[in-house]
Every structure is written in C-alpha cells, then in structure tokens.
Amino acid sequence: MKANKKIFSKKSAPEKSARILEAICGCKWSFTVYRLLSVGINRPGEMVRSVEGLSTKVLNQCLKRNVEFGILKRIAYPEIPPRVEYQVTQVGQKFIGILHQLEDIQDDLFPEESTESEDSL
C-alpha cells in the first residue's frame, strides 16, 4: 500500500487567529459588549447596569481578553474618581465586520429565523 502524502504541515493552520476566534466566541458576553459599544455604552459600570446577569468580574475578564487581542482599546482618564472607557479598534471594526458577514450567511441558511433578535450584533 502506498502511504498517503500529507498536504498540510502542522504550522499551516492560522493558530493565532483561530485562538482569538475561539476565545472571543467562547465568551458569551463578547458579542453583548460589542452591541453595547455600538449604541454608545462604553463604561464598564454602565455595561453591568445595562445587562441582566452580567457581573463586574466576568465583564472585566471579557474586556481584558478583547483588549489583549486588539479588538478593544482601554482608555483610562487621569481623573478622580477614575474613569475608564472602551472603544473598538480599527482591527476590532474588521473583526466585527466578519461577524456581520457570518450573520448574513446565517440569514441565507436560515431565512425563517430573524437576526433582528436581541442576540444580533
């Protein structure tokens, strides 16, 4: 028997982007944070107050992960009391654009389901 020739090497997968996608999609609150930012809610305290079931600890983990991946930018103002805001970066805009494209594909595959629900970006 002839051995099958391997087509892909171990390094051919986009490891970093796959890790980012896995981490972001694995966090159910990331999409909620993107929606909050899109409507102008950019301060952590306001985010927690705006979403039922979202705790400060979980939000901070989610925001930190998104900042580490470059999707969000943390802006700390030198004020008393301290003020922190988050913004979507240019890379984050591209990433969220891809998520919108995935939503469009979902609409094509499942036209009977509306993407105008609360879970939509």
PDB file of N, CA and C in Angstrom:
ATOM      1  N   MET A   1       0.826  -1.188   0.000  1.00  0.00           N
ATOM      2  CA  MET A   1       0.000   0.000   0.000  1.00  0.00           C
ATOM      3  C   MET A   1       0.870   1.251   0.000  1.00  0.00           C
ATOM      4  N   LYS A   2       0.429   2.202  -0.728  1.00  0.00           N
ATOM      5  CA  LYS A   2       1.159   3.457  -0.803  1.00  0.00           C
ATOM      6  C   LYS A   2       0.683   4.389   0.316  1.00  0.00           C
ATOM      7  N   ALA A   3       1.627   4.983   1.019  1.00  0.00           N
ATOM      8  CA  ALA A   3       1.291   5.887   2.128  1.00  0.00           C
ATOM      9  C   ALA A   3       0.689   7.178   1.573  1.00  0.00           C
ATOM     10  N   ASN A   4      -0.305   7.683   2.280  1.00  0.00           N
ATOM     11  CA  ASN A   4      -0.918   8.959   1.882  1.00  0.00           C
ATOM     12  C   ASN A   4       0.047  10.098   2.160  1.00  0.00           C
ATOM     13  N   LYS A   5       0.231  10.929   1.164  1.00  0.00           N
ATOM     14  CA  LYS A   5       1.104  12.080   1.329  1.00  0.00           C
ATOM     15  C   LYS A   5       0.338  13.178   2.066  1.00  0.00           C
ATOM     16  N   LYS A   6       0.954  13.738   3.077  1.00  0.00           N
ATOM     17  CA  LYS A   6       0.327  14.808   3.863  1.00  0.00           C
ATOM     18  C   LYS A   6       0.380  16.099   3.062  1.00  0.00           C
ATOM     19  N   ILE A   7      -0.742  16.775   3.017  1.00  0.00           N
ATOM     20  CA  ILE A   7      -0.844  18.000   2.233  1.00  0.00           C
ATOM     21  C   ILE A   7      -0.498  19.228   3.075  1.00  0.00           C
ATOM     22  N   PHE A   8      -0.903  19.214   4.337  1.00  0.00           N
ATOM     23  CA  PHE A   8      -0.693  20.362   5.201  1.00  0.00           C
ATOM     24  C   PHE A   8       0.334  20.045   6.270  1.00  0.00           C
ATOM     25  N   SER A   9       1.129  21.045   6.600  1.00  0.00           N
ATOM     26  CA  SER A   9       2.065  20.879   7.704  1.00  0.00           C
ATOM     27  C   SER A   9       1.374  21.296   8.991  1.00  0.00           C
ATOM     28  N   LYS A  10       1.994  21.015  10.117  1.00  0.00           N
ATOM     29  CA  LYS A  10       1.427  21.390  11.415  1.00  0.00           C
ATOM     30  C   LYS A  10       1.235  22.896  11.519  1.00  0.00           C
ATOM     31  N   LYS A  11       2.082  23.650  10.876  1.00  0.00           N
ATOM     32  CA  LYS A  11       2.063  25.106  11.024  1.00  0.00           C
ATOM     33  C   LYS A  11       1.143  25.794  10.012  1.00  0.00           C
ATOM     34  N   SER A  12       0.431  25.058   9.196  1.00  0.00           N
ATOM     35  CA  SER A  12      -0.361  25.699   8.159  1.00  0.00           C
ATOM     36  C   SER A  12      -1.653  26.315   8.674  1.00  0.00           C
ATOM     37  N   ALA A  13      -2.148  25.884   9.819  1.00  0.00           N
ATOM     38  CA  ALA A  13      -3.381  26.453  10.362  1.00  0.00           C
ATOM     39  C   ALA A  13      -3.106  27.845  10.932  1.00  0.00           C
ATOM     40  N   PRO A  14      -4.061  28.740  10.801  1.00  0.00           N
ATOM     41  CA  PRO A  14      -3.884  30.089  11.367  1.00  0.00           C
ATOM     42  C   PRO A  14      -4.071  30.043  12.882  1.00  0.00           C
ATOM     43  N   GLU A  15      -3.029  29.627  13.576  1.00  0.00           N
ATOM     44  CA  GLU A  15      -3.141  29.364  15.006  1.00  0.00           C
ATOM     45  C   GLU A  15      -3.574  30.577  15.814  1.00  0.00           C
ATOM     46  N   LYS A  16      -2.977  31.728  15.560  1.00  0.00           N
ATOM     47  CA  LYS A  16      -3.310  32.909  16.364  1.00  0.00           C
ATOM     48  C   LYS A  16      -4.738  33.372  16.116  1.00  0.00           C
ATOM     49  N   SER A  17      -5.129  33.453  14.855  1.00  0.00           N
ATOM     50  CA  SER A  17      -6.491  33.914  14.572  1.00  0.00           C
ATOM     51  C   SER A  17      -7.520  32.894  15.037  1.00  0.00           C
ATOM     52  N   ALA A  18      -7.198  31.625  14.941  1.00  0.00           N
ATOM     53  CA  ALA A  18      -8.115  30.592  15.441  1.00  0.00           C
ATOM     54  C   ALA A  18      -8.255  30.701  16.954  1.00  0.00           C
ATOM     55  N   ARG A  19      -7.160  30.993  17.649  1.00  0.00           N
ATOM     56  CA  ARG A  19      -7.197  31.150  19.110  1.00  0.00           C
ATOM     57  C   ARG A  19      -8.035  32.367  19.496  1.00  0.00           C
ATOM     58  N   ILE A  20      -7.882  33.448  18.742  1.00  0.00           N
ATOM     59  CA  ILE A  20      -8.670  34.647  19.009  1.00  0.00           C
ATOM     60  C   ILE A  20     -10.153  34.343  18.828  1.00  0.00           C
ATOM     61  N   LEU A  21     -10.485  33.735  17.715  1.00  0.00           N
ATOM     62  CA  LEU A  21     -11.884  33.425  17.438  1.00  0.00           C
ATOM     63  C   LEU A  21     -12.466  32.502  18.502  1.00  0.00           C
ATOM     64  N   GLU A  22     -11.705  31.498  18.881  1.00  0.00           N
ATOM     65  CA  GLU A  22     -12.164  30.566  19.907  1.00  0.00           C
ATOM     66  C   GLU A  22     -12.385  31.271  21.248  1.00  0.00           C
ATOM     67  N   ALA A  23     -11.463  32.128  21.626  1.00  0.00           N
ATOM     68  CA  ALA A  23     -11.582  32.834  22.905  1.00  0.00           C
ATOM     69  C   ALA A  23     -12.748  33.816  22.889  1.00  0.00           C
ATOM     70  N   ILE A  24     -12.922  34.530  21.800  1.00  0.00           N
ATOM     71  CA  ILE A  24     -13.994  35.518  21.717  1.00  0.00           C
ATOM     72  C   ILE A  24     -15.352  34.827  21.621  1.00  0.00           C
ATOM     73  N   CYS A  25     -15.461  33.847  20.767  1.00  0.00           N
ATOM     74  CA  CYS A  25     -16.740  33.147  20.627  1.00  0.00           C
ATOM     75  C   CYS A  25     -17.041  32.284  21.845  1.00  0.00           C
ATOM     76  N   GLY A  26     -16.012  31.872  22.549  1.00  0.00           N
ATOM     77  CA  GLY A  26     -16.208  31.088  23.762  1.00  0.00           C
ATOM     78  C   GLY A  26     -16.718  31.932  24.920  1.00  0.00           C
ATOM     79  N   CYS A  27     -16.582  33.220  24.808  1.00  0.00           N
ATOM     80  CA  CYS A  27     -17.080  34.138  25.838  1.00  0.00           C
ATOM     81  C   CYS A  27     -18.427  34.674  25.367  1.00  0.00           C
ATOM     82  N   LYS A  28     -19.480  34.233  26.013  1.00  0.00           N
ATOM     83  CA  LYS A  28     -20.811  34.627  25.547  1.00  0.00           C
ATOM     84  C   LYS A  28     -21.082  36.120  25.707  1.00  0.00           C
ATOM     85  N   TRP A  29     -20.284  36.811  26.483  1.00  0.00           N
ATOM     86  CA  TRP A  29     -20.521  38.222  26.720  1.00  0.00           C
ATOM     87  C   TRP A  29     -19.833  39.129  25.710  1.00  0.00           C
ATOM     88  N   SER A  30     -18.874  38.628  24.938  1.00  0.00           N
ATOM     89  CA  SER A  30     -18.171  39.483  23.971  1.00  0.00           C
ATOM     90  C   SER A  30     -19.135  40.133  22.987  1.00  0.00           C
ATOM     91  N   PHE A  31     -20.061  39.362  22.459  1.00  0.00           N
ATOM     92  CA  PHE A  31     -20.997  39.903  21.480  1.00  0.00           C
ATOM     93  C   PHE A  31     -21.911  40.959  22.123  1.00  0.00           C
ATOM     94  N   THR A  32     -22.261  40.734  23.371  1.00  0.00           N
ATOM     95  CA  THR A  32     -23.065  41.708  24.104  1.00  0.00           C
ATOM     96  C   THR A  32     -22.281  43.008  24.284  1.00  0.00           C
ATOM     97  N   VAL A  33     -21.001  42.882  24.606  1.00  0.00           N
ATOM     98  CA  VAL A  33     -20.149  44.071  24.763  1.00  0.00           C
ATOM     99  C   VAL A  33     -20.079  44.843  23.447  1.00  0.00           C
ATOM    100  N   TYR A  34     -19.940  44.147  22.319  1.00  0.00           N
ATOM    101  CA  TYR A  34     -19.876  44.827  21.024  1.00  0.00           C
ATOM    102  C   TYR A  34     -21.174  45.579  20.753  1.00  0.00           C
ATOM    103  N   ARG A  35     -22.304  44.990  21.111  1.00  0.00           N
ATOM    104  CA  ARG A  35     -23.596  45.660  20.919  1.00  0.00           C
ATOM    105  C   ARG A  35     -23.685  46.896  21.805  1.00  0.00           C
ATOM    106  N   LEU A  36     -23.246  46.771  23.058  1.00  0.00           N
ATOM    107  CA  LEU A  36     -23.273  47.918  23.965  1.00  0.00           C
ATOM    108  C   LEU A  36     -22.426  49.060  23.414  1.00  0.00           C
ATOM    109  N   LEU A  37     -21.241  48.739  22.937  1.00  0.00           N
ATOM    110  CA  LEU A  37     -20.357  49.763  22.376  1.00  0.00           C
ATOM    111  C   LEU A  37     -20.980  50.400  21.139  1.00  0.00           C
ATOM    112  N   SER A  38     -21.686  49.613  20.353  1.00  0.00           N
ATOM    113  CA  SER A  38     -22.291  50.147  19.125  1.00  0.00           C
ATOM    114  C   SER A  38     -23.416  51.135  19.414  1.00  0.00           C
ATOM    115  N   VAL A  39     -24.011  51.059  20.611  1.00  0.00           N
ATOM    116  CA  VAL A  39     -25.067  52.015  20.971  1.00  0.00           C
ATOM    117  C   VAL A  39     -24.545  53.110  21.907  1.00  0.00           C
ATOM    118  N   GLY A  40     -23.221  53.157  22.102  1.00  0.00           N
ATOM    119  CA  GLY A  40     -22.621  54.242  22.865  1.00  0.00           C
ATOM    120  C   GLY A  40     -22.405  53.977  24.344  1.00  0.00           C
ATOM    121  N   ILE A  41     -22.627  52.752  24.785  1.00  0.00           N
ATOM    122  CA  ILE A  41     -22.362  52.415  26.187  1.00  0.00           C
ATOM    123  C   ILE A  41     -20.937  51.889  26.250  1.00  0.00           C
ATOM    124  N   ASN A  42     -20.018  52.712  26.786  1.00  0.00           N
ATOM    125  CA  ASN A  42     -18.603  52.336  26.730  1.00  0.00           C
ATOM    126  C   ASN A  42     -17.909  52.302  28.093  1.00  0.00           C
ATOM    127  N   ARG A  43     -18.651  52.521  29.171  1.00  0.00           N
ATOM    128  CA  ARG A  43     -18.063  52.472  30.512  1.00  0.00           C
ATOM    129  C   ARG A  43     -18.505  51.192  31.201  1.00  0.00           C
ATOM    130  N   PRO A  44     -17.569  50.500  31.856  1.00  0.00           N
ATOM    131  CA  PRO A  44     -17.877  49.193  32.461  1.00  0.00           C
ATOM    132  C   PRO A  44     -19.058  49.203  33.429  1.00  0.00           C
ATOM    133  N   GLY A  45     -19.146  50.194  34.286  1.00  0.00           N
ATOM    134  CA  GLY A  45     -20.253  50.247  35.239  1.00  0.00           C
ATOM    135  C   GLY A  45     -21.593  50.332  34.542  1.00  0.00           C
ATOM    136  N   GLU A  46     -21.643  51.128  33.497  1.00  0.00           N
ATOM    137  CA  GLU A  46     -22.873  51.283  32.730  1.00  0.00           C
ATOM    138  C   GLU A  46     -23.217  49.989  31.990  1.00  0.00           C
ATOM    139  N   MET A  47     -22.187  49.272  31.527  1.00  0.00           N
ATOM    140  CA  MET A  47     -22.413  47.989  30.855  1.00  0.00           C
ATOM    141  C   MET A  47     -23.058  46.992  31.813  1.00  0.00           C
ATOM    142  N   VAL A  48     -22.507  46.896  33.028  1.00  0.00           N
ATOM    143  CA  VAL A  48     -23.039  45.956  34.023  1.00  0.00           C
ATOM    144  C   VAL A  48     -24.487  46.307  34.358  1.00  0.00           C
ATOM    145  N   ARG A  49     -24.768  47.593  34.494  1.00  0.00           N
ATOM    146  CA  ARG A  49     -26.139  48.022  34.824  1.00  0.00           C
ATOM    147  C   ARG A  49     -27.102  47.799  33.670  1.00  0.00           C
ATOM    148  N   SER A  50     -26.588  47.747  32.448  1.00  0.00           N
ATOM    149  CA  SER A  50     -27.437  47.628  31.263  1.00  0.00           C
ATOM    150  C   SER A  50     -27.806  46.199  30.904  1.00  0.00           C
ATOM    151  N   VAL A  51     -27.085  45.211  31.437  1.00  0.00           N
ATOM    152  CA  VAL A  51     -27.287  43.824  31.020  1.00  0.00           C
ATOM    153  C   VAL A  51     -27.589  42.952  32.231  1.00  0.00           C
ATOM    154  N   GLU A  52     -28.758  42.358  32.220  1.00  0.00           N
ATOM    155  CA  GLU A  52     -29.140  41.458  33.303  1.00  0.00           C
ATOM    156  C   GLU A  52     -28.250  40.218  33.284  1.00  0.00           C
ATOM    157  N   GLY A  53     -27.709  39.855  34.436  1.00  0.00           N
ATOM    158  CA  GLY A  53     -26.894  38.652  34.555  1.00  0.00           C
ATOM    159  C   GLY A  53     -25.406  38.852  34.329  1.00  0.00           C
ATOM    160  N   LEU A  54     -25.004  40.036  33.938  1.00  0.00           N
ATOM    161  CA  LEU A  54     -23.587  40.320  33.687  1.00  0.00           C
ATOM    162  C   LEU A  54     -22.955  40.853  34.971  1.00  0.00           C
ATOM    163  N   SER A  55     -21.931  40.163  35.456  1.00  0.00           N
ATOM    164  CA  SER A  55     -21.243  40.609  36.675  1.00  0.00           C
ATOM    165  C   SER A  55     -20.001  41.418  36.307  1.00  0.00           C
ATOM    166  N   THR A  56     -19.548  42.211  37.246  1.00  0.00           N
ATOM    167  CA  THR A  56     -18.354  43.030  37.043  1.00  0.00           C
ATOM    168  C   THR A  56     -17.140  42.158  36.760  1.00  0.00           C
ATOM    169  N   LYS A  57     -16.996  41.064  37.505  1.00  0.00           N
ATOM    170  CA  LYS A  57     -15.848  40.176  37.325  1.00  0.00           C
ATOM    171  C   LYS A  57     -15.808  39.580  35.922  1.00  0.00           C
ATOM    172  N   VAL A  58     -16.931  39.070  35.460  1.00  0.00           N
ATOM    173  CA  VAL A  58     -16.991  38.453  34.129  1.00  0.00           C
ATOM    174  C   VAL A  58     -16.773  39.516  33.053  1.00  0.00           C
ATOM    175  N   LEU A  59     -17.370  40.684  33.233  1.00  0.00           N
ATOM    176  CA  LEU A  59     -17.179  41.758  32.259  1.00  0.00           C
ATOM    177  C   LEU A  59     -15.709  42.148  32.169  1.00  0.00           C
ATOM    178  N   ASN A  60     -15.051  42.301  33.311  1.00  0.00           N
ATOM    179  CA  ASN A  60     -13.637  42.681  33.297  1.00  0.00           C
ATOM    180  C   ASN A  60     -12.780  41.641  32.596  1.00  0.00           C
ATOM    181  N   GLN A  61     -13.080  40.362  32.794  1.00  0.00           N
ATOM    182  CA  GLN A  61     -12.341  39.299  32.093  1.00  0.00           C
ATOM    183  C   GLN A  61     -12.562  39.400  30.592  1.00  0.00           C
ATOM    184  N   CYS A  62     -13.799  39.623  30.207  1.00  0.00           N
ATOM    185  CA  CYS A  62     -14.149  39.742  28.797  1.00  0.00           C
ATOM    186  C   CYS A  62     -13.457  40.951  28.165  1.00  0.00           C
ATOM    187  N   LEU A  63     -13.520  42.091  28.831  1.00  0.00           N
ATOM    188  CA  LEU A  63     -12.890  43.300  28.307  1.00  0.00           C
ATOM    189  C   LEU A  63     -11.376  43.132  28.208  1.00  0.00           C
ATOM    190  N   LYS A  64     -10.772  42.536  29.220  1.00  0.00           N
ATOM    191  CA  LYS A  64      -9.323  42.330  29.222  1.00  0.00           C
ATOM    192  C   LYS A  64      -8.902  41.455  28.038  1.00  0.00           C
ATOM    193  N   ARG A  65      -9.634  40.384  27.805  1.00  0.00           N
ATOM    194  CA  ARG A  65      -9.326  39.473  26.695  1.00  0.00           C
ATOM    195  C   ARG A  65      -9.435  40.211  25.358  1.00  0.00           C
ATOM    196  N   ASN A  66     -10.479  41.008  25.189  1.00  0.00           N
ATOM    197  CA  ASN A  66     -10.656  41.752  23.946  1.00  0.00           C
ATOM    198  C   ASN A  66      -9.575  42.806  23.754  1.00  0.00           C
ATOM    199  N   VAL A  67      -9.115  43.407  24.834  1.00  0.00           N
ATOM    200  CA  VAL A  67      -8.015  44.372  24.752  1.00  0.00           C
ATOM    201  C   VAL A  67      -6.722  43.651  24.373  1.00  0.00           C
ATOM    202  N   GLU A  68      -6.463  42.494  24.976  1.00  0.00           N
ATOM    203  CA  GLU A  68      -5.248  41.727  24.672  1.00  0.00           C
ATOM    204  C   GLU A  68      -5.190  41.338  23.197  1.00  0.00           C
ATOM    205  N   PHE A  69      -6.334  41.030  22.600  1.00  0.00           N
ATOM    206  CA  PHE A  69      -6.370  40.640  21.197  1.00  0.00           C
ATOM    207  C   PHE A  69      -6.393  41.838  20.257  1.00  0.00           C
ATOM    208  N   GLY A  70      -6.517  43.043  20.809  1.00  0.00           N
ATOM    209  CA  GLY A  70      -6.512  44.234  19.976  1.00  0.00           C
ATOM    210  C   GLY A  70      -7.856  44.579  19.371  1.00  0.00           C
ATOM    211  N   ILE A  71      -8.918  43.969  19.851  1.00  0.00           N
ATOM    212  CA  ILE A  71     -10.252  44.254  19.329  1.00  0.00           C
ATOM    213  C   ILE A  71     -10.820  45.511  19.993  1.00  0.00           C
ATOM    214  N   LEU A  72     -10.524  45.663  21.272  1.00  0.00           N
ATOM    215  CA  LEU A  72     -10.953  46.852  22.009  1.00  0.00           C
ATOM    216  C   LEU A  72      -9.741  47.608  22.526  1.00  0.00           C
ATOM    217  N   LYS A  73      -9.943  48.891  22.775  1.00  0.00           N
ATOM    218  CA  LYS A  73      -8.904  49.741  23.351  1.00  0.00           C
ATOM    219  C   LYS A  73      -9.436  50.290  24.667  1.00  0.00           C
ATOM    220  N   ARG A  74      -8.602  50.215  25.706  1.00  0.00           N
ATOM    221  CA  ARG A  74      -8.962  50.727  27.025  1.00  0.00           C
ATOM    222  C   ARG A  74      -8.397  52.136  27.166  1.00  0.00           C
ATOM    223  N   ILE A  75      -9.263  53.062  27.549  1.00  0.00           N
ATOM    224  CA  ILE A  75      -8.847  54.445  27.746  1.00  0.00           C
ATOM    225  C   ILE A  75      -9.097  54.796  29.206  1.00  0.00           C
ATOM    226  N   ALA A  76      -8.005  55.084  29.925  1.00  0.00           N
ATOM    227  CA  ALA A  76      -8.095  55.458  31.341  1.00  0.00           C
ATOM    228  C   ALA A  76      -7.816  56.952  31.447  1.00  0.00           C
ATOM    229  N   TYR A  77      -8.752  57.677  32.031  1.00  0.00           N
ATOM    230  CA  TYR A  77      -8.605  59.115  32.194  1.00  0.00           C
ATOM    231  C   TYR A  77      -8.023  59.418  33.570  1.00  0.00           C
ATOM    232  N   PRO A  78      -7.068  60.346  33.641  1.00  0.00           N
ATOM    233  CA  PRO A  78      -6.444  60.680  34.932  1.00  0.00           C
ATOM    234  C   PRO A  78      -7.330  61.619  35.755  1.00  0.00           C
ATOM    235  N   GLU A  79      -8.430  61.078  36.223  1.00  0.00           N
ATOM    236  CA  GLU A  79      -9.394  61.866  36.979  1.00  0.00           C
ATOM    237  C   GLU A  79      -9.661  61.199  38.315  1.00  0.00           C
ATOM    238  N   ILE A  80     -10.243  61.969  39.223  1.00  0.00           N
ATOM    239  CA  ILE A  80     -10.706  61.400  40.487  1.00  0.00           C
ATOM    240  C   ILE A  80     -12.189  61.731  40.567  1.00  0.00           C
ATOM    241  N   PRO A  81     -13.064  60.756  40.670  1.00  0.00           N
ATOM    242  CA  PRO A  81     -12.806  59.319  40.654  1.00  0.00           C
ATOM    243  C   PRO A  81     -12.344  58.856  39.265  1.00  0.00           C
ATOM    244  N   PRO A  82     -11.609  57.736  39.221  1.00  0.00           N
ATOM    245  CA  PRO A  82     -11.089  57.238  37.943  1.00  0.00           C
ATOM    246  C   PRO A  82     -12.221  56.952  36.950  1.00  0.00           C
ATOM    247  N   ARG A  83     -11.918  57.199  35.683  1.00  0.00           N
ATOM    248  CA  ARG A  83     -12.891  56.930  34.620  1.00  0.00           C
ATOM    249  C   ARG A  83     -12.200  56.101  33.549  1.00  0.00           C
ATOM    250  N   VAL A  84     -12.835  55.003  33.175  1.00  0.00           N
ATOM    251  CA  VAL A  84     -12.311  54.116  32.137  1.00  0.00           C
ATOM    252  C   VAL A  84     -13.394  53.921  31.087  1.00  0.00           C
ATOM    253  N   GLU A  85     -12.989  53.988  29.831  1.00  0.00           N
ATOM    254  CA  GLU A  85     -13.899  53.745  28.717  1.00  0.00           C
ATOM    255  C   GLU A  85     -13.239  52.774  27.753  1.00  0.00           C
ATOM    256  N   TYR A  86     -14.053  52.115  26.959  1.00  0.00           N
ATOM    257  CA  TYR A  86     -13.567  51.177  25.955  1.00  0.00           C
ATOM    258  C   TYR A  86     -14.073  51.588  24.594  1.00  0.00           C
ATOM    259  N   GLN A  87     -13.223  51.401  23.586  1.00  0.00           N
ATOM    260  CA  GLN A  87     -13.576  51.687  22.202  1.00  0.00           C
ATOM    261  C   GLN A  87     -13.155  50.519  21.326  1.00  0.00           C
ATOM    262  N   VAL A  88     -13.858  50.342  20.225  1.00  0.00           N
ATOM    263  CA  VAL A  88     -13.491  49.327  19.251  1.00  0.00           C
ATOM    264  C   VAL A  88     -12.333  49.885  18.430  1.00  0.00           C
ATOM    265  N   THR A  89     -11.279  49.078  18.269  1.00  0.00           N
ATOM    266  CA  THR A  89     -10.117  49.496  17.478  1.00  0.00           C
ATOM    267  C   THR A  89     -10.411  49.318  15.993  1.00  0.00           C
ATOM    268  N   GLN A  90      -9.481  49.747  15.175  1.00  0.00           N
ATOM    269  CA  GLN A  90      -9.618  49.561  13.726  1.00  0.00           C
ATOM    270  C   GLN A  90      -9.643  48.069  13.397  1.00  0.00           C
ATOM    271  N   VAL A  91      -8.789  47.303  14.054  1.00  0.00           N
ATOM    272  CA  VAL A  91      -8.782  45.849  13.869  1.00  0.00           C
ATOM    273  C   VAL A  91     -10.108  45.268  14.361  1.00  0.00           C
ATOM    274  N   GLY A  92     -10.604  45.791  15.470  1.00  0.00           N
ATOM    275  CA  GLY A  92     -11.887  45.349  16.005  1.00  0.00           C
ATOM    276  C   GLY A  92     -13.031  45.596  15.037  1.00  0.00           C
ATOM    277  N   GLN A  93     -12.981  46.717  14.328  1.00  0.00           N
ATOM    278  CA  GLN A  93     -14.006  47.011  13.317  1.00  0.00           C
ATOM    279  C   GLN A  93     -14.002  45.939  12.228  1.00  0.00           C
ATOM    280  N   LYS A  94     -12.803  45.532  11.812  1.00  0.00           N
ATOM    281  CA  LYS A  94     -12.701  44.468  10.806  1.00  0.00           C
ATOM    282  C   LYS A  94     -13.270  43.160  11.349  1.00  0.00           C
ATOM    283  N   PHE A  95     -12.922  42.846  12.600  1.00  0.00           N
ATOM    284  CA  PHE A  95     -13.389  41.617  13.228  1.00  0.00           C
ATOM    285  C   PHE A  95     -14.918  41.619  13.338  1.00  0.00           C
ATOM    286  N   ILE A  96     -15.473  42.713  13.785  1.00  0.00           N
ATOM    287  CA  ILE A  96     -16.925  42.814  13.918  1.00  0.00           C
ATOM    288  C   ILE A  96     -17.583  42.760  12.535  1.00  0.00           C
ATOM    289  N   GLY A  97     -16.911  43.301  11.529  1.00  0.00           N
ATOM    290  CA  GLY A  97     -17.404  43.188  10.151  1.00  0.00           C
ATOM    291  C   GLY A  97     -17.514  41.730   9.716  1.00  0.00           C
ATOM    292  N   ILE A  98     -16.529  40.927  10.095  1.00  0.00           N
ATOM    293  CA  ILE A  98     -16.564  39.493   9.783  1.00  0.00           C
ATOM    294  C   ILE A  98     -17.738  38.837  10.503  1.00  0.00           C
ATOM    295  N   LEU A  99     -17.981  39.238  11.735  1.00  0.00           N
ATOM    296  CA  LEU A  99     -19.116  38.689  12.476  1.00  0.00           C
ATOM    297  C   LEU A  99     -20.436  39.039  11.785  1.00  0.00           C
ATOM    298  N   HIS A 100     -20.523  40.255  11.238  1.00  0.00           N
ATOM    299  CA  HIS A 100     -21.717  40.647  10.492  1.00  0.00           C
ATOM    300  C   HIS A 100     -21.863  39.786   9.236  1.00  0.00           C
ATOM    301  N   GLN A 101     -20.750  39.473   8.578  1.00  0.00           N
ATOM    302  CA  GLN A 101     -20.804  38.607   7.398  1.00  0.00           C
ATOM    303  C   GLN A 101     -21.283  37.210   7.774  1.00  0.00           C
ATOM    304  N   LEU A 102     -20.831  36.708   8.919  1.00  0.00           N
ATOM    305  CA  LEU A 102     -21.315  35.410   9.393  1.00  0.00           C
ATOM    306  C   LEU A 102     -22.818  35.458   9.665  1.00  0.00           C
ATOM    307  N   GLU A 103     -23.273  36.573  10.189  1.00  0.00           N
ATOM    308  CA  GLU A 103     -24.705  36.752  10.438  1.00  0.00           C
ATOM    309  C   GLU A 103     -25.484  36.738   9.123  1.00  0.00           C
ATOM    310  N   ASP A 104     -24.912  37.355   8.077  1.00  0.00           N
ATOM    311  CA  ASP A 104     -25.548  37.339   6.761  1.00  0.00           C
ATOM    312  C   ASP A 104     -25.646  35.911   6.221  1.00  0.00           C
ATOM    313  N   ILE A 105     -24.587  35.131   6.423  1.00  0.00           N
ATOM    314  CA  ILE A 105     -24.608  33.733   5.989  1.00  0.00           C
ATOM    315  C   ILE A 105     -25.685  32.972   6.750  1.00  0.00           C
ATOM    316  N   GLN A 106     -25.796  33.240   8.039  1.00  0.00           N
ATOM    317  CA  GLN A 106     -26.842  32.596   8.844  1.00  0.00           C
ATOM    318  C   GLN A 106     -28.222  32.941   8.286  1.00  0.00           C
ATOM    319  N   ASP A 107     -28.418  34.205   7.908  1.00  0.00           N
ATOM    320  CA  ASP A 107     -29.702  34.615   7.326  1.00  0.00           C
ATOM    321  C   ASP A 107     -29.989  33.865   6.034  1.00  0.00           C
ATOM    322  N   ASP A 108     -28.940  33.647   5.229  1.00  0.00           N
ATOM    323  CA  ASP A 108     -29.117  32.901   3.984  1.00  0.00           C
ATOM    324  C   ASP A 108     -29.464  31.442   4.256  1.00  0.00           C
ATOM    325  N   LEU A 109     -28.817  30.859   5.275  1.00  0.00           N
ATOM    326  CA  LEU A 109     -29.052  29.449   5.593  1.00  0.00           C
ATOM    327  C   LEU A 109     -30.377  29.225   6.304  1.00  0.00           C
ATOM    328  N   PHE A 110     -30.774  30.178   7.132  1.00  0.00           N
ATOM    329  CA  PHE A 110     -31.985  30.039   7.944  1.00  0.00           C
ATOM    330  C   PHE A 110     -32.850  31.291   7.805  1.00  0.00           C
ATOM    331  N   PRO A 111     -33.445  31.492   6.638  1.00  0.00           N
ATOM    332  CA  PRO A 111     -34.213  32.732   6.408  1.00  0.00           C
ATOM    333  C   PRO A 111     -35.434  32.868   7.314  1.00  0.00           C
ATOM    334  N   GLU A 112     -35.924  31.751   7.835  1.00  0.00           N
ATOM    335  CA  GLU A 112     -37.106  31.823   8.699  1.00  0.00           C
ATOM    336  C   GLU A 112     -36.794  32.387  10.080  1.00  0.00           C
ATOM    337  N   GLU A 113     -35.519  32.381  10.445  1.00  0.00           N
ATOM    338  CA  GLU A 113     -35.118  32.942  11.743  1.00  0.00           C
ATOM    339  C   GLU A 113     -34.676  34.372  11.560  1.00  0.00           C
ATOM    340  N   SER A 114     -35.215  35.263  12.333  1.00  0.00           N
ATOM    341  CA  SER A 114     -34.873  36.677  12.228  1.00  0.00           C
ATOM    342  C   SER A 114     -33.601  36.969  12.987  1.00  0.00           C
ATOM    343  N   THR A 115     -32.678  37.719  12.390  1.00  0.00           N
ATOM    344  CA  THR A 115     -31.451  38.139  13.082  1.00  0.00           C
ATOM    345  C   THR A 115     -31.650  39.463  13.785  1.00  0.00           C
ATOM    346  N   GLU A 116     -32.869  39.966  13.764  1.00  0.00           N
ATOM    347  CA  GLU A 116     -33.156  41.224  14.450  1.00  0.00           C
ATOM    348  C   GLU A 116     -33.445  40.982  15.925  1.00  0.00           C
ATOM    349  N   SER A 117     -33.142  39.795  16.426  1.00  0.00           N
ATOM    350  CA  SER A 117     -33.377  39.471  17.824  1.00  0.00           C
ATOM    351  C   SER A 117     -32.369  40.163  18.705  1.00  0.00           C
ATOM    352  N   GLU A 118     -32.508  39.972  20.011  1.00  0.00           N
ATOM    353  CA  GLU A 118     -31.597  40.593  20.975  1.00  0.00           C
ATOM    354  C   GLU A 118     -30.171  40.087  20.828  1.00  0.00           C
ATOM    355  N   ASP A 119     -29.981  38.895  20.300  1.00  0.00           N
ATOM    356  CA  ASP A 119     -28.644  38.326  20.198  1.00  0.00           C
ATOM    357  C   ASP A 119     -27.892  38.834  18.973  1.00  0.00           C
ATOM    358  N   SER A 120     -28.542  39.575  18.111  1.00  0.00           N
ATOM    359  CA  SER A 120     -27.914  40.078  16.902  1.00  0.00           C
ATOM    360  C   SER A 120     -26.903  41.158  17.257  1.00  0.00           C
ATOM    361  N   LEU A 121     -25.834  41.266  16.457  1.00  0.00           N
ATOM    362  CA  LEU A 121     -24.819  42.307  16.677  1.00  0.00           C
ATOM    363  C   LEU A 121     -25.343  43.650  16.250  1.00  0.00           C
TER     364      LEU A 121
END
